[in-house]
Amino acid sequence: MPAVLAAGYAVRYGRAQARVLADPSPARVRAAVGAGITGLPALQGALTARAGARLLGLAVAGAAPLGRRLARLISPT
């Protein structure tokens, strides 16, 4: 499970970073930073699950979609 959570973070953040490499416009850079910030709960959940607290790790990772939803209302950067 920790690997799945970490992979989810890497895919989401990696896609945003790849877009910046293709087009380093300010809007893309801002979006990549936002993807990193709003994805941090997934990464923290992976680390927590790896440390042995799997249910807590899932709960922390579950905050990532909420963070993305809130980022539409208020910029995370």
C-alpha atoms as a PDB file:
ATOM      1  CA  MET A   1       0.000   0.000   0.000  1.00  0.00           C
ATOM      2  CA  PRO A   2       2.732   2.573   0.701  1.00  0.00           C
ATOM      3  CA  ALA A   3       4.111   1.993  -2.794  1.00  0.00           C
ATOM      4  CA  VAL A   4       0.685   2.604  -4.351  1.00  0.00           C
ATOM      5  CA  LEU A   5       0.247   5.877  -2.464  1.00  0.00           C
ATOM      6  CA  ALA A   6       3.761   7.032  -3.381  1.00  0.00           C
ATOM      7  CA  ALA A   7       3.232   6.044  -7.020  1.00  0.00           C
ATOM      8  CA  GLY A   8       0.001   8.035  -7.130  1.00  0.00           C
ATOM      9  CA  TYR A   9       1.849  11.091  -5.877  1.00  0.00           C
ATOM     10  CA  ALA A  10       4.706  10.566  -8.328  1.00  0.00           C
ATOM     11  CA  VAL A  11       2.374  10.175 -11.304  1.00  0.00           C
ATOM     12  CA  ARG A  12       0.312  13.254 -10.488  1.00  0.00           C
ATOM     13  CA  TYR A  13       3.301  15.446  -9.652  1.00  0.00           C
ATOM     14  CA  GLY A  14       5.416  13.970 -12.451  1.00  0.00           C
ATOM     15  CA  ARG A  15       2.801  14.798 -15.084  1.00  0.00           C
ATOM     16  CA  ALA A  16       2.712  18.404 -13.926  1.00  0.00           C
ATOM     17  CA  GLN A  17       6.521  18.584 -14.023  1.00  0.00           C
ATOM     18  CA  ALA A  18       6.611  17.088 -17.538  1.00  0.00           C
ATOM     19  CA  ARG A  19       4.179  19.773 -18.719  1.00  0.00           C
ATOM     20  CA  VAL A  20       6.497  22.448 -17.318  1.00  0.00           C
ATOM     21  CA  LEU A  21       9.419  20.979 -19.234  1.00  0.00           C
ATOM     22  CA  ALA A  22       7.399  21.156 -22.447  1.00  0.00           C
ATOM     23  CA  ASP A  23       6.102  24.691 -21.785  1.00  0.00           C
ATOM     24  CA  PRO A  24       7.713  26.633 -18.915  1.00  0.00           C
ATOM     25  CA  SER A  25       5.072  29.347 -18.854  1.00  0.00           C
ATOM     26  CA  PRO A  26       4.209  30.949 -15.516  1.00  0.00           C
ATOM     27  CA  ALA A  27       0.776  29.302 -15.504  1.00  0.00           C
ATOM     28  CA  ARG A  28       2.289  25.831 -15.985  1.00  0.00           C
ATOM     29  CA  VAL A  29       4.894  26.407 -13.278  1.00  0.00           C
ATOM     30  CA  ARG A  30       2.173  27.601 -10.900  1.00  0.00           C
ATOM     31  CA  ALA A  31       0.080  24.523 -11.735  1.00  0.00           C
ATOM     32  CA  ALA A  32       3.064  22.208 -11.110  1.00  0.00           C
ATOM     33  CA  VAL A  33       3.763  23.809  -7.745  1.00  0.00           C
ATOM     34  CA  GLY A  34       0.082  23.529  -6.878  1.00  0.00           C
ATOM     35  CA  ALA A  35       0.082  19.834  -7.859  1.00  0.00           C
ATOM     36  CA  GLY A  36       3.035  19.261  -5.558  1.00  0.00           C
ATOM     37  CA  ILE A  37       1.440  21.082  -2.659  1.00  0.00           C
ATOM     38  CA  THR A  38      -1.994  19.509  -2.980  1.00  0.00           C
ATOM     39  CA  GLY A  39      -0.444  16.080  -3.468  1.00  0.00           C
ATOM     40  CA  LEU A  40       1.625  16.185  -0.288  1.00  0.00           C
ATOM     41  CA  PRO A  41      -1.021  14.412   1.824  1.00  0.00           C
ATOM     42  CA  ALA A  42      -0.689  11.380  -0.490  1.00  0.00           C
ATOM     43  CA  LEU A  43       3.080  11.379  -0.028  1.00  0.00           C
ATOM     44  CA  GLN A  44       2.771  11.846   3.735  1.00  0.00           C
ATOM     45  CA  GLY A  45       0.204   9.056   3.829  1.00  0.00           C
ATOM     46  CA  ALA A  46       2.635   6.755   2.021  1.00  0.00           C
ATOM     47  CA  LEU A  47       5.372   7.549   4.512  1.00  0.00           C
ATOM     48  CA  THR A  48       3.005   7.032   7.445  1.00  0.00           C
ATOM     49  CA  ALA A  49       1.793   3.706   6.051  1.00  0.00           C
ATOM     50  CA  ARG A  50       5.373   2.587   5.469  1.00  0.00           C
ATOM     51  CA  ALA A  51       6.161   3.355   9.102  1.00  0.00           C
ATOM     52  CA  GLY A  52       3.508   0.811  10.099  1.00  0.00           C
ATOM     53  CA  ALA A  53       0.380   2.907  10.598  1.00  0.00           C
ATOM     54  CA  ARG A  54      -1.490   1.780   7.492  1.00  0.00           C
ATOM     55  CA  LEU A  55      -4.962   2.988   8.436  1.00  0.00           C
ATOM     56  CA  LEU A  56      -3.632   6.352   9.534  1.00  0.00           C
ATOM     57  CA  GLY A  57      -1.655   6.556   6.288  1.00  0.00           C
ATOM     58  CA  LEU A  58      -4.814   5.957   4.281  1.00  0.00           C
ATOM     59  CA  ALA A  59      -6.655   8.601   6.277  1.00  0.00           C
ATOM     60  CA  VAL A  60      -3.889  11.147   5.651  1.00  0.00           C
ATOM     61  CA  ALA A  61      -3.743  10.252   1.942  1.00  0.00           C
ATOM     62  CA  GLY A  62      -7.505  10.648   1.785  1.00  0.00           C
ATOM     63  CA  ALA A  63      -7.050  14.367   2.384  1.00  0.00           C
ATOM     64  CA  ALA A  64      -5.369  14.817  -1.029  1.00  0.00           C
ATOM     65  CA  PRO A  65      -8.639  15.006  -3.025  1.00  0.00           C
ATOM     66  CA  LEU A  66      -9.996  17.497  -0.504  1.00  0.00           C
ATOM     67  CA  GLY A  67      -6.874  19.612  -0.950  1.00  0.00           C
ATOM     68  CA  ARG A  68      -7.291  19.590  -4.733  1.00  0.00           C
ATOM     69  CA  ARG A  69     -10.919  20.622  -4.370  1.00  0.00           C
ATOM     70  CA  LEU A  70     -10.039  23.464  -2.007  1.00  0.00           C
ATOM     71  CA  ALA A  71      -7.230  24.589  -4.336  1.00  0.00           C
ATOM     72  CA  ARG A  72      -9.903  25.482  -6.900  1.00  0.00           C
ATOM     73  CA  LEU A  73     -11.288  28.010  -4.417  1.00  0.00           C
ATOM     74  CA  ILE A  74      -8.036  29.367  -2.985  1.00  0.00           C
ATOM     75  CA  SER A  75      -4.643  29.161  -4.638  1.00  0.00           C
ATOM     76  CA  PRO A  76      -2.254  26.853  -2.753  1.00  0.00           C
ATOM     77  CA  THR A  77       0.760  28.886  -3.857  1.00  0.00           C
END
